[in-house]
N, C-alpha and C. Protein backbone atom coordinates (compact mmCIF):
# COMPACT_ATOMS: atom_id res chain seq x y z
N MET A 1 35.92 -9.23 14.74
CA MET A 1 36.21 -10.95 15.19
C MET A 1 37.57 -11.03 14.68
N ASN A 2 37.81 -12.12 15.69
CA ASN A 2 39.46 -12.53 14.91
C ASN A 2 38.80 -13.89 14.38
N GLU A 3 39.75 -14.36 13.85
CA GLU A 3 40.00 -15.24 12.55
C GLU A 3 39.30 -16.62 13.26
N LEU A 4 38.53 -17.33 12.13
CA LEU A 4 37.89 -18.36 13.04
C LEU A 4 38.81 -19.75 12.67
N ILE A 5 39.20 -20.97 13.25
CA ILE A 5 40.23 -21.59 12.44
C ILE A 5 39.15 -22.85 13.06
N ARG A 6 39.85 -23.90 12.35
CA ARG A 6 39.15 -25.87 12.74
C ARG A 6 39.71 -26.93 13.51
N ARG A 7 39.59 -27.70 14.32
CA ARG A 7 40.17 -28.66 14.55
C ARG A 7 39.61 -29.95 14.54
N ASN A 8 39.49 -31.00 14.43
CA ASN A 8 39.23 -32.26 14.15
C ASN A 8 40.24 -33.46 15.61
N TYR A 9 39.42 -33.90 15.92
CA TYR A 9 39.56 -35.53 16.62
C TYR A 9 39.14 -36.63 17.19
N SER A 10 39.26 -37.45 17.16
CA SER A 10 39.52 -38.81 16.96
C SER A 10 38.25 -39.36 18.41
N PHE A 11 37.66 -38.17 19.06
CA PHE A 11 37.68 -38.25 20.32
C PHE A 11 35.81 -39.10 20.34
N GLU A 12 35.89 -38.97 21.34
CA GLU A 12 34.04 -40.11 21.72
C GLU A 12 33.08 -39.60 20.53
N ILE A 13 32.16 -40.02 20.47
CA ILE A 13 31.15 -39.26 19.09
C ILE A 13 30.12 -41.12 19.63
N ARG A 14 28.77 -40.95 19.49
CA ARG A 14 28.21 -42.30 19.76
C ARG A 14 27.06 -42.06 19.55
N ALA A 15 25.83 -42.69 19.10
CA ALA A 15 24.67 -43.02 18.67
C ALA A 15 23.77 -43.59 19.43
N GLU A 16 22.61 -42.87 19.95
CA GLU A 16 21.60 -43.13 21.08
C GLU A 16 19.88 -43.42 20.59
N GLU A 17 19.73 -44.24 21.42
CA GLU A 17 17.78 -44.75 20.77
C GLU A 17 17.35 -44.75 22.37
N ASN A 18 16.87 -43.44 22.06
CA ASN A 18 15.37 -43.47 23.51
C ASN A 18 14.40 -42.69 23.09
N GLU A 19 13.75 -42.37 24.51
CA GLU A 19 12.52 -41.62 24.13
C GLU A 19 12.41 -40.57 23.37
N SER A 20 13.60 -39.38 22.82
CA SER A 20 13.56 -38.49 22.30
C SER A 20 13.99 -38.57 21.56
N GLY A 21 13.86 -39.79 20.39
CA GLY A 21 14.72 -40.13 18.92
C GLY A 21 15.94 -40.73 19.36
N SER A 22 16.08 -40.57 17.97
CA SER A 22 18.05 -40.91 17.76
C SER A 22 18.55 -39.41 18.47
N VAL A 23 19.82 -39.76 19.14
CA VAL A 23 20.61 -39.15 19.62
C VAL A 23 21.02 -39.44 19.46
N ILE A 24 22.80 -38.46 18.64
CA ILE A 24 24.71 -38.30 19.35
C ILE A 24 25.03 -37.24 20.11
N VAL A 25 25.61 -38.38 20.82
CA VAL A 25 26.57 -37.92 21.46
C VAL A 25 28.20 -37.63 21.96
N GLY A 26 28.44 -36.11 21.94
CA GLY A 26 30.05 -36.45 21.86
C GLY A 26 30.60 -35.32 22.67
N ARG A 27 32.26 -35.53 22.52
CA ARG A 27 33.13 -34.92 23.59
C ARG A 27 33.66 -34.09 21.71
N PRO A 28 33.86 -32.73 21.52
CA PRO A 28 34.07 -32.46 20.13
C PRO A 28 35.71 -31.62 21.12
N ILE A 29 35.35 -31.21 22.42
CA ILE A 29 36.70 -30.33 22.72
C ILE A 29 36.93 -30.50 23.81
N VAL A 30 38.58 -31.27 24.14
CA VAL A 30 38.46 -31.46 25.48
C VAL A 30 39.97 -30.96 25.78
N TYR A 31 40.14 -30.94 27.02
CA TYR A 31 41.23 -29.87 27.83
C TYR A 31 42.36 -30.86 27.68
N ASP A 32 43.52 -29.95 28.45
CA ASP A 32 44.77 -31.00 28.12
C ASP A 32 45.31 -32.07 27.30
N SER A 33 44.67 -31.66 26.61
CA SER A 33 45.24 -33.22 24.43
C SER A 33 45.66 -32.21 24.32
N LYS A 34 47.41 -32.68 23.41
CA LYS A 34 48.49 -32.74 23.07
C LYS A 34 48.11 -32.85 21.39
N THR A 35 48.11 -32.36 20.56
CA THR A 35 47.11 -32.74 19.12
C THR A 35 48.64 -32.25 17.98
N ASP A 36 49.39 -33.16 17.45
CA ASP A 36 50.30 -32.68 16.38
C ASP A 36 49.76 -31.69 15.27
N LEU A 37 50.16 -30.94 15.15
CA LEU A 37 49.45 -30.33 13.67
C LEU A 37 50.39 -30.01 12.90
N GLY A 38 51.48 -30.51 12.61
CA GLY A 38 52.59 -30.96 12.27
C GLY A 38 53.89 -29.53 12.30
N TRP A 39 53.21 -28.50 11.86
CA TRP A 39 54.09 -27.23 12.76
C TRP A 39 54.99 -27.49 13.72
N PHE A 40 53.88 -27.54 14.82
CA PHE A 40 53.34 -27.80 15.64
C PHE A 40 52.24 -27.86 16.23
N ASP A 41 52.91 -28.58 18.00
CA ASP A 41 51.65 -28.84 18.75
C ASP A 41 50.78 -27.85 19.56
N GLU A 42 49.54 -28.52 19.93
CA GLU A 42 48.27 -27.53 20.32
C GLU A 42 47.73 -28.30 21.29
N VAL A 43 47.01 -27.45 22.43
CA VAL A 43 47.26 -27.99 23.60
C VAL A 43 45.65 -27.01 24.04
N ILE A 44 44.49 -27.23 24.15
CA ILE A 44 43.80 -26.58 24.50
C ILE A 44 43.79 -26.51 26.53
N ASP A 45 43.67 -25.09 27.48
CA ASP A 45 43.93 -25.44 28.19
C ASP A 45 42.83 -25.95 29.30
N ARG A 46 42.64 -26.22 30.06
CA ARG A 46 41.79 -26.65 30.92
C ARG A 46 41.47 -24.81 31.34
N GLY A 47 39.78 -25.05 31.21
CA GLY A 47 39.42 -23.63 31.49
C GLY A 47 38.62 -22.49 30.40
N ALA A 48 39.51 -23.33 28.96
CA ALA A 48 39.64 -22.40 28.02
C ALA A 48 38.35 -21.78 27.49
N LEU A 49 37.42 -22.66 27.85
CA LEU A 49 35.27 -21.73 27.57
C LEU A 49 34.98 -20.98 28.62
N ASP A 50 35.27 -20.57 28.94
CA ASP A 50 35.05 -20.21 30.44
C ASP A 50 34.25 -18.98 29.99
N ASN A 51 34.83 -17.89 29.85
CA ASN A 51 34.38 -17.10 28.43
C ASN A 51 33.56 -17.11 27.49
N ALA A 52 33.84 -18.01 26.51
CA ALA A 52 33.18 -18.49 25.21
C ALA A 52 32.39 -17.93 25.01
N ASP A 53 32.12 -17.51 23.36
CA ASP A 53 30.20 -17.33 22.94
C ASP A 53 30.18 -18.05 22.36
N LEU A 54 28.76 -19.64 22.76
CA LEU A 54 28.55 -20.16 22.76
C LEU A 54 26.70 -20.24 22.31
N THR A 55 26.54 -18.23 22.58
CA THR A 55 25.14 -18.63 21.96
C THR A 55 24.16 -19.22 20.25
N ASP A 56 25.73 -19.12 19.93
CA ASP A 56 24.38 -20.12 18.08
C ASP A 56 25.41 -20.71 18.20
N VAL A 57 25.36 -21.98 18.18
CA VAL A 57 25.97 -23.24 17.30
C VAL A 57 25.21 -24.65 16.32
N ARG A 58 25.78 -24.55 15.66
CA ARG A 58 25.31 -25.04 14.21
C ARG A 58 25.93 -26.66 14.51
N PHE A 59 25.26 -27.72 14.26
CA PHE A 59 26.35 -28.98 14.11
C PHE A 59 26.04 -29.07 12.55
N LEU A 60 26.57 -29.89 12.06
CA LEU A 60 26.79 -30.09 10.45
C LEU A 60 27.79 -31.20 10.49
N VAL A 61 28.24 -31.84 8.48
CA VAL A 61 28.93 -32.81 8.88
C VAL A 61 29.80 -33.09 7.69
N ASN A 62 30.84 -32.83 8.39
CA ASN A 62 32.37 -32.29 7.99
C ASN A 62 32.06 -31.20 7.28
N HIS A 63 31.87 -29.54 8.11
CA HIS A 63 31.43 -29.10 7.89
C HIS A 63 31.00 -28.33 6.58
N ASP A 64 30.07 -29.21 5.91
CA ASP A 64 29.79 -28.51 4.12
C ASP A 64 28.44 -27.53 4.68
N LEU A 65 29.22 -26.52 4.77
CA LEU A 65 28.46 -24.99 4.97
C LEU A 65 27.10 -24.97 3.82
N SER A 66 27.23 -25.68 2.67
CA SER A 66 26.36 -25.38 1.89
C SER A 66 25.37 -26.02 2.47
N LYS A 67 25.18 -27.32 3.05
CA LYS A 67 23.93 -28.51 3.65
C LYS A 67 23.38 -27.48 4.93
N ILE A 68 22.09 -28.11 5.24
CA ILE A 68 21.43 -27.51 6.02
C ILE A 68 21.17 -27.65 7.91
N PRO A 69 21.69 -27.11 8.62
CA PRO A 69 22.33 -27.80 9.40
C PRO A 69 21.49 -29.29 10.44
N LEU A 70 22.36 -30.17 10.53
CA LEU A 70 21.26 -30.90 11.36
C LEU A 70 20.84 -30.96 12.41
N ALA A 71 21.12 -30.04 13.82
CA ALA A 71 20.96 -28.99 14.75
C ALA A 71 21.51 -27.99 14.96
N ARG A 72 20.75 -27.44 15.83
CA ARG A 72 21.32 -26.27 15.82
C ARG A 72 21.78 -25.62 18.53
N SER A 73 21.66 -24.98 19.04
CA SER A 73 21.94 -24.48 19.59
C SER A 73 22.10 -23.19 20.06
N ARG A 74 20.43 -22.76 20.42
CA ARG A 74 20.89 -21.05 20.60
C ARG A 74 20.67 -20.85 21.77
N LYS A 75 21.64 -20.11 21.90
CA LYS A 75 21.15 -20.35 23.42
C LYS A 75 21.48 -20.80 24.72
N ASN A 76 21.82 -22.52 24.14
CA ASN A 76 21.52 -23.41 24.56
C ASN A 76 19.79 -23.92 25.66
N THR A 77 19.67 -23.27 25.03
CA THR A 77 17.80 -23.45 25.74
C THR A 77 17.62 -25.53 25.10
N LYS A 78 16.82 -25.56 26.79
CA LYS A 78 16.31 -26.60 26.52
C LYS A 78 15.18 -27.58 25.35
N ASN A 79 14.67 -26.49 24.65
CA ASN A 79 14.34 -25.79 23.33
C ASN A 79 15.55 -26.37 21.95
N SER A 80 16.82 -25.50 22.07
CA SER A 80 17.82 -26.09 21.30
C SER A 80 17.34 -27.69 20.94
N THR A 81 17.80 -27.92 19.40
CA THR A 81 18.12 -29.30 18.76
C THR A 81 19.24 -29.74 19.58
N MET A 82 20.11 -28.85 19.81
CA MET A 82 21.98 -29.60 20.27
C MET A 82 22.10 -28.91 21.68
N GLN A 83 22.24 -29.54 22.90
CA GLN A 83 22.42 -28.97 24.11
C GLN A 83 24.01 -29.49 23.90
N LEU A 84 24.71 -28.27 24.81
CA LEU A 84 26.02 -28.17 24.80
C LEU A 84 26.03 -28.03 26.29
N THR A 85 27.36 -28.44 27.08
CA THR A 85 27.39 -28.95 28.29
C THR A 85 29.21 -28.74 28.88
N VAL A 86 29.80 -27.28 29.35
CA VAL A 86 30.78 -27.30 29.57
C VAL A 86 31.45 -27.75 30.53
N ASP A 87 32.26 -28.46 30.87
CA ASP A 87 32.89 -28.88 32.35
C ASP A 87 34.06 -29.16 32.85
N ASN A 88 34.41 -29.74 33.55
CA ASN A 88 35.74 -29.57 34.43
C ASN A 88 37.15 -30.36 32.96
N ASP A 89 36.07 -31.60 32.09
CA ASP A 89 37.06 -31.78 30.32
C ASP A 89 37.16 -31.28 29.24
N GLY A 90 36.19 -30.51 29.03
CA GLY A 90 35.74 -29.50 27.99
C GLY A 90 35.15 -29.21 27.68
N MET A 91 34.45 -29.66 26.38
CA MET A 91 32.77 -29.58 26.26
C MET A 91 32.29 -30.52 25.35
N SER A 92 31.22 -30.71 25.87
CA SER A 92 30.06 -32.11 25.42
C SER A 92 28.87 -31.83 24.60
N ILE A 93 28.26 -32.54 23.73
CA ILE A 93 27.31 -31.82 23.03
C ILE A 93 26.34 -33.49 23.35
N ARG A 94 25.04 -33.08 22.92
CA ARG A 94 24.16 -33.52 23.09
C ARG A 94 23.16 -33.36 21.66
N VAL A 95 23.10 -34.38 20.83
CA VAL A 95 22.77 -33.56 19.40
C VAL A 95 21.13 -33.85 18.76
N ASN A 96 19.79 -33.18 19.12
CA ASN A 96 18.61 -34.87 19.05
C ASN A 96 18.63 -34.93 16.77
N LEU A 97 18.25 -35.45 16.79
CA LEU A 97 18.37 -35.51 15.14
C LEU A 97 16.76 -36.29 14.68
N ASP A 98 17.20 -35.00 13.23
CA ASP A 98 15.39 -36.03 12.99
C ASP A 98 15.46 -36.95 12.29
N THR A 99 15.26 -38.39 12.20
CA THR A 99 15.69 -39.21 11.66
C THR A 99 14.59 -39.55 10.86
N GLU A 100 13.15 -39.31 11.43
CA GLU A 100 12.06 -39.60 10.27
C GLU A 100 11.42 -38.85 9.82
N ASN A 101 12.10 -37.44 9.73
CA ASN A 101 11.89 -36.43 8.41
C ASN A 101 13.21 -35.88 7.80
N ASN A 102 14.53 -36.54 8.10
CA ASN A 102 15.42 -35.60 7.89
C ASN A 102 16.40 -36.79 6.79
N SER A 103 16.92 -37.11 5.35
CA SER A 103 17.60 -39.01 5.17
C SER A 103 18.80 -38.25 5.59
N GLU A 104 19.31 -37.07 5.34
CA GLU A 104 20.78 -36.94 5.57
C GLU A 104 20.78 -37.03 7.38
N ALA A 105 20.11 -37.42 8.46
CA ALA A 105 20.23 -37.36 9.47
C ALA A 105 20.09 -38.70 9.78
N ARG A 106 19.18 -39.69 9.11
CA ARG A 106 19.28 -40.71 8.92
C ARG A 106 20.37 -41.42 8.80
N SER A 107 21.17 -40.75 7.24
CA SER A 107 22.31 -41.09 7.31
C SER A 107 23.32 -41.41 8.53
N LEU A 108 23.10 -39.89 8.42
CA LEU A 108 24.72 -39.78 9.82
C LEU A 108 24.36 -40.29 10.83
N TYR A 109 23.03 -40.55 11.91
CA TYR A 109 22.50 -41.48 12.42
C TYR A 109 23.37 -43.41 12.81
N SER A 110 23.26 -43.79 10.90
CA SER A 110 23.59 -44.74 11.07
C SER A 110 25.20 -44.95 10.67
N ALA A 111 25.66 -44.01 10.15
CA ALA A 111 27.17 -44.11 9.57
C ALA A 111 27.63 -44.31 11.43
N VAL A 112 27.00 -43.02 12.71
CA VAL A 112 27.91 -43.15 13.82
C VAL A 112 27.31 -44.88 14.61
N LYS A 113 26.36 -44.87 14.51
CA LYS A 113 26.36 -46.66 15.36
C LYS A 113 27.08 -47.15 14.16
N ARG A 114 27.26 -47.84 13.22
CA ARG A 114 28.36 -48.42 12.50
C ARG A 114 29.38 -48.47 12.72
N GLY A 115 29.65 -47.32 13.37
CA GLY A 115 31.51 -46.73 14.21
C GLY A 115 31.92 -46.57 12.06
N ASP A 116 31.07 -46.50 11.29
CA ASP A 116 31.60 -45.60 10.00
C ASP A 116 32.87 -44.21 9.84
N ILE A 117 31.81 -43.12 10.92
CA ILE A 117 32.14 -41.74 11.37
C ILE A 117 32.36 -41.65 12.96
N THR A 118 33.47 -41.52 13.66
CA THR A 118 33.77 -41.71 14.60
C THR A 118 34.82 -40.59 15.66
N GLY A 119 35.02 -39.34 14.66
CA GLY A 119 35.10 -38.58 15.07
C GLY A 119 33.94 -36.72 15.05
N MET A 120 34.86 -36.03 15.36
CA MET A 120 34.57 -34.54 15.25
C MET A 120 35.15 -34.07 15.79
N SER A 121 34.76 -32.77 15.07
CA SER A 121 35.33 -30.94 14.81
C SER A 121 34.63 -29.68 15.37
N PHE A 122 35.31 -28.38 15.25
CA PHE A 122 34.81 -27.62 16.06
C PHE A 122 35.74 -26.25 15.46
N MET A 123 34.44 -25.25 14.95
CA MET A 123 34.99 -24.53 15.00
C MET A 123 35.56 -23.08 15.62
N PHE A 124 36.31 -22.62 16.54
CA PHE A 124 36.21 -21.96 16.85
C PHE A 124 37.39 -19.91 16.77
N GLY A 125 37.45 -19.30 17.30
CA GLY A 125 38.16 -18.65 17.97
C GLY A 125 39.08 -18.68 18.73
N ILE A 126 39.95 -18.36 18.56
CA ILE A 126 41.06 -17.84 20.11
C ILE A 126 41.21 -16.47 20.70
N SER A 127 41.26 -16.03 21.94
CA SER A 127 41.13 -14.34 22.11
C SER A 127 42.46 -14.77 23.84
N ASP A 128 43.26 -15.69 23.57
CA ASP A 128 44.42 -15.74 24.43
C ASP A 128 44.97 -16.68 23.71
N GLU A 129 46.32 -16.80 23.88
CA GLU A 129 46.89 -18.09 23.55
C GLU A 129 49.13 -17.98 24.38
N GLU A 130 49.34 -19.00 24.64
CA GLU A 130 50.58 -18.78 25.35
C GLU A 130 51.84 -19.46 24.23
N TRP A 131 53.04 -19.16 24.05
CA TRP A 131 53.92 -20.18 23.46
C TRP A 131 54.64 -21.46 23.73
N GLU A 132 55.45 -21.79 23.67
CA GLU A 132 55.89 -23.00 24.19
C GLU A 132 57.51 -23.40 23.61
N LYS A 133 58.89 -22.99 23.57
CA LYS A 133 59.72 -23.78 23.04
C LYS A 133 59.58 -23.32 21.78
N LEU A 134 59.78 -21.72 21.17
CA LEU A 134 59.32 -21.21 19.87
C LEU A 134 61.00 -21.55 19.65
N GLU A 135 61.70 -21.38 20.26
CA GLU A 135 63.62 -21.64 19.54
C GLU A 135 63.46 -23.35 18.68
N SER A 136 62.38 -24.08 19.31
CA SER A 136 62.40 -25.66 18.71
C SER A 136 62.29 -25.14 17.06
N ASP A 137 62.46 -26.88 16.99
CA ASP A 137 61.43 -27.07 15.57
C ASP A 137 60.25 -27.50 15.54
N HIS A 138 59.84 -27.54 16.60
CA HIS A 138 57.78 -28.18 17.27
C HIS A 138 57.82 -27.40 18.39
N PRO A 139 57.59 -25.94 18.22
CA PRO A 139 57.01 -25.81 19.14
C PRO A 139 55.28 -26.50 20.05
N THR A 140 55.19 -25.62 21.40
CA THR A 140 53.58 -25.93 21.10
C THR A 140 53.06 -24.81 21.88
N ARG A 141 51.56 -25.04 21.13
CA ARG A 141 50.60 -23.48 21.77
C ARG A 141 50.27 -24.17 22.34
N HIS A 142 49.54 -23.01 23.40
CA HIS A 142 48.52 -23.18 24.25
C HIS A 142 47.33 -22.91 24.12
N ILE A 143 46.29 -23.10 24.15
CA ILE A 143 44.78 -21.82 23.92
C ILE A 143 44.47 -21.44 25.54
N ARG A 144 44.41 -20.59 25.33
CA ARG A 144 44.33 -20.06 27.22
C ARG A 144 43.22 -19.72 26.92
N ALA A 145 41.77 -19.39 26.26
CA ALA A 145 41.43 -18.77 25.50
C ALA A 145 40.10 -18.48 24.59
N ILE A 146 38.77 -19.48 24.59
CA ILE A 146 38.67 -19.71 23.13
C ILE A 146 37.16 -18.13 23.53
N SER A 147 37.59 -17.89 22.60
CA SER A 147 36.45 -16.11 22.22
C SER A 147 34.86 -16.85 21.37
N ILE A 148 34.94 -17.43 20.58
CA ILE A 148 33.58 -18.62 20.66
C ILE A 148 33.31 -19.89 20.11
N VAL A 149 32.61 -20.12 19.81
CA VAL A 149 32.34 -21.64 18.87
C VAL A 149 31.81 -21.04 18.27
N ALA A 150 31.88 -21.67 16.63
CA ALA A 150 30.77 -21.32 15.61
C ALA A 150 29.92 -22.19 15.40
N GLU A 151 30.60 -23.60 15.52
CA GLU A 151 30.24 -25.13 15.18
C GLU A 151 30.76 -26.00 14.95
N VAL A 152 29.87 -27.03 15.05
CA VAL A 152 30.49 -28.36 15.44
C VAL A 152 30.28 -29.20 14.79
N SER A 153 30.89 -30.52 13.92
CA SER A 153 31.00 -31.50 12.93
C SER A 153 31.19 -32.22 12.93
N ALA A 154 30.55 -33.09 12.32
CA ALA A 154 30.71 -35.08 12.84
C ALA A 154 31.37 -35.01 11.23
N VAL A 155 32.74 -36.35 12.07
CA VAL A 155 33.78 -36.21 10.08
C VAL A 155 34.26 -37.47 10.49
N THR A 156 34.96 -37.25 8.48
CA THR A 156 35.21 -38.43 8.88
C THR A 156 36.67 -38.84 8.75
N PHE A 157 37.07 -37.57 8.75
CA PHE A 157 39.01 -37.82 8.54
C PHE A 157 38.64 -36.86 9.83
N PRO A 158 38.77 -37.78 10.98
CA PRO A 158 38.74 -36.95 12.39
C PRO A 158 40.05 -36.53 13.13
N ALA A 159 41.83 -37.09 12.57
CA ALA A 159 42.52 -36.19 13.56
C ALA A 159 43.81 -36.07 12.64
N TYR A 160 44.09 -34.65 12.83
CA TYR A 160 45.46 -34.24 12.54
C TYR A 160 46.89 -34.64 12.91
N GLU A 161 47.48 -35.61 12.03
CA GLU A 161 48.27 -36.00 11.56
C GLU A 161 49.40 -35.88 10.93
N SER A 162 50.54 -35.94 11.58
CA SER A 162 51.70 -35.00 10.39
C SER A 162 51.74 -35.48 9.51
N THR A 163 51.66 -36.73 9.30
CA THR A 163 52.00 -37.71 8.10
C THR A 163 50.52 -37.43 6.96
N GLU A 164 49.76 -36.77 7.30
CA GLU A 164 48.73 -37.12 6.74
C GLU A 164 48.21 -35.51 6.77
N ILE A 165 48.24 -34.37 7.58
CA ILE A 165 47.97 -33.42 7.29
C ILE A 165 47.96 -32.94 5.82
N ASN A 166 49.49 -33.06 5.39
CA ASN A 166 49.29 -32.17 3.85
C ASN A 166 48.66 -32.75 2.44
N ALA A 167 48.40 -33.57 3.19
CA ALA A 167 47.33 -34.30 1.42
C ALA A 167 46.14 -33.98 2.01
N ARG A 168 45.38 -33.97 3.23
CA ARG A 168 44.39 -34.16 3.04
C ARG A 168 44.12 -32.48 3.56
N ASP A 169 44.40 -31.85 4.17
CA ASP A 169 43.70 -30.17 4.23
C ASP A 169 45.29 -29.58 4.35
N LYS A 170 45.50 -28.34 2.92
CA LYS A 170 46.82 -27.68 2.66
C LYS A 170 46.79 -26.09 3.20
N ASN A 171 45.75 -26.19 3.44
CA ASN A 171 45.21 -25.25 4.21
C ASN A 171 45.59 -25.16 5.84
N ALA A 172 45.32 -26.05 6.47
CA ALA A 172 45.55 -26.62 7.76
C ALA A 172 47.09 -25.86 7.55
N LEU A 173 48.14 -26.73 7.17
CA LEU A 173 49.17 -26.77 6.91
C LEU A 173 49.79 -25.16 7.48
N GLN A 174 49.48 -24.24 5.79
CA GLN A 174 49.92 -23.36 5.59
C GLN A 174 50.13 -22.87 7.18
N ASN A 175 48.21 -23.08 7.57
CA ASN A 175 47.88 -22.13 9.32
C ASN A 175 49.16 -22.51 9.91
N ALA A 176 49.19 -23.37 10.28
CA ALA A 176 49.85 -23.84 11.13
C ALA A 176 50.96 -23.33 10.86
N ARG A 177 52.04 -23.32 9.44
CA ARG A 177 53.37 -22.49 9.81
C ARG A 177 52.74 -21.52 9.53
N SER A 178 52.17 -20.33 9.15
CA SER A 178 52.28 -19.08 9.02
C SER A 178 51.92 -18.58 10.94
N ALA A 179 50.90 -19.83 12.18
CA ALA A 179 50.91 -19.16 13.13
C ALA A 179 52.44 -19.09 13.79
N VAL A 180 53.25 -20.48 13.38
CA VAL A 180 54.61 -20.35 14.36
C VAL A 180 55.08 -19.11 13.44
N GLU A 181 55.72 -18.64 13.05
CA GLU A 181 56.08 -17.78 12.15
C GLU A 181 56.09 -16.23 13.18
N THR A 182 54.31 -16.22 12.62
CA THR A 182 53.95 -15.07 13.30
C THR A 182 54.54 -15.15 14.75
N ALA A 183 54.47 -16.56 15.97
CA ALA A 183 54.70 -16.65 16.62
C ALA A 183 56.04 -15.34 17.18
N ARG A 184 57.13 -16.43 16.36
CA ARG A 184 58.26 -15.59 16.59
C ARG A 184 58.56 -14.33 16.58
N ARG A 185 58.34 -14.08 15.53
CA ARG A 185 58.28 -12.36 14.92
C ARG A 185 57.95 -11.51 15.96
N SER A 186 56.70 -12.09 16.36
CA SER A 186 55.74 -11.56 17.85
C SER A 186 57.22 -11.26 18.76
N GLN A 187 57.39 -12.25 19.16
CA GLN A 187 58.91 -12.72 20.69
C GLN A 187 60.21 -12.58 20.06
N GLN A 188 60.07 -12.06 18.63
CA GLN A 188 61.43 -11.32 18.57
C GLN A 188 61.52 -9.78 18.53
N THR A 189 59.88 -9.65 18.31
CA THR A 189 59.76 -7.82 18.66
C THR A 189 59.73 -7.36 19.12
N SER A 190 59.07 -8.60 21.01
CA SER A 190 59.57 -7.98 22.69
C SER A 190 60.28 -8.03 22.52
N VAL A 191 61.91 -9.16 22.54
CA VAL A 191 62.91 -9.37 22.46
C VAL A 191 63.55 -7.36 22.24
N ASN A 192 63.21 -6.91 20.64
CA ASN A 192 64.01 -6.12 20.40
C ASN A 192 63.40 -4.62 21.91
N THR A 193 62.58 -4.81 21.63
CA THR A 193 61.38 -3.51 22.56
C THR A 193 62.13 -3.42 23.92
N ASP A 194 63.13 -4.92 24.55
CA ASP A 194 63.47 -5.18 25.73
C ASP A 194 64.77 -4.71 25.60
N GLU A 195 65.67 -5.32 24.89
CA GLU A 195 67.10 -4.39 24.94
C GLU A 195 66.89 -3.48 24.74
N LEU A 196 66.07 -2.39 23.55
CA LEU A 196 66.30 -1.01 23.36
C LEU A 196 66.14 0.00 25.12
N GLU A 197 65.07 -0.79 25.66
CA GLU A 197 64.43 -0.14 26.72
C GLU A 197 65.63 0.33 28.00
N LEU A 198 66.65 -1.39 28.43
CA LEU A 198 67.51 -1.78 28.59
C LEU A 198 69.02 -0.20 28.25
N LEU A 199 69.16 -0.20 27.25
CA LEU A 199 69.66 1.32 26.84
C LEU A 199 69.36 1.97 27.10
N LYS A 200 68.13 2.11 26.87
CA LYS A 200 68.03 3.57 26.63
C LYS A 200 67.98 3.40 28.88
N LEU A 201 67.74 2.80 29.76
CA LEU A 201 67.61 3.24 31.11
C LEU A 201 69.52 3.35 31.56
N LYS A 202 70.12 2.72 30.61
CA LYS A 202 72.02 2.68 30.77
C LYS A 202 72.07 3.93 30.26
N ALA A 203 71.96 4.93 29.14
CA ALA A 203 72.40 6.07 29.06
C ALA A 203 71.92 6.83 29.89
N LYS A 204 70.36 6.67 30.72
CA LYS A 204 69.70 7.62 31.47
C LYS A 204 70.76 7.21 32.73
N ILE A 205 71.23 6.56 33.04
CA ILE A 205 72.17 6.28 34.33
C ILE A 205 74.16 7.08 34.22
N LEU A 206 74.00 7.40 32.83
CA LEU A 206 75.19 7.37 32.72
C LEU A 206 75.27 8.69 31.89
N GLY A 207 73.70 9.44 32.63
CA GLY A 207 74.36 10.63 31.67
C GLY A 207 73.95 10.83 32.60
N GLY A 208 73.66 10.82 34.20
CA GLY A 208 73.26 11.81 35.42
C GLY A 208 74.71 11.30 36.33
N MET A 209 75.48 10.45 35.53
CA MET A 209 77.25 10.61 37.13
C MET A 209 77.43 11.91 36.57
């Protein structure tokens, strides 16, 4: 499996109370929305989730893997405590929280309802990507295909802004820089290979004269 990475967004998340109990609704993945990751901009292209593995997705708070998941989607069945919906705009979720028996679920529901938590994040793998303007100081990566979504979180700090990313997440900053450098090396290797093939072709033509 390719490396899993995280992305945080300040997109919609809200609390609802209905016949199902306490529910959180949100959209952790949004297509065609540019995000500044410090070293580059990133866009998740429309349709990137078409072949993604969504068979087992947990719902957490702030990616805290030491805590029990507050919900889980298993093959997105009707009995799952989290429902996933992939549409033309990305992916939305509907989480049924056990606020009666779980104090952490009650705390999260209250925080979302009060507006203290306003963002979402997800952990995913990339199976296809494309870079633009790699020669510039701030290129753009298009995520064309997501291989898997492993986890979704409600997060306290939703947006990766270039002025804050270093203080909040040094690993994210380093990963962003490494991604750019890897893409540039790959592009240079491709260019060198093309030049070599062209020289071979010229030599073959000249040798046949």
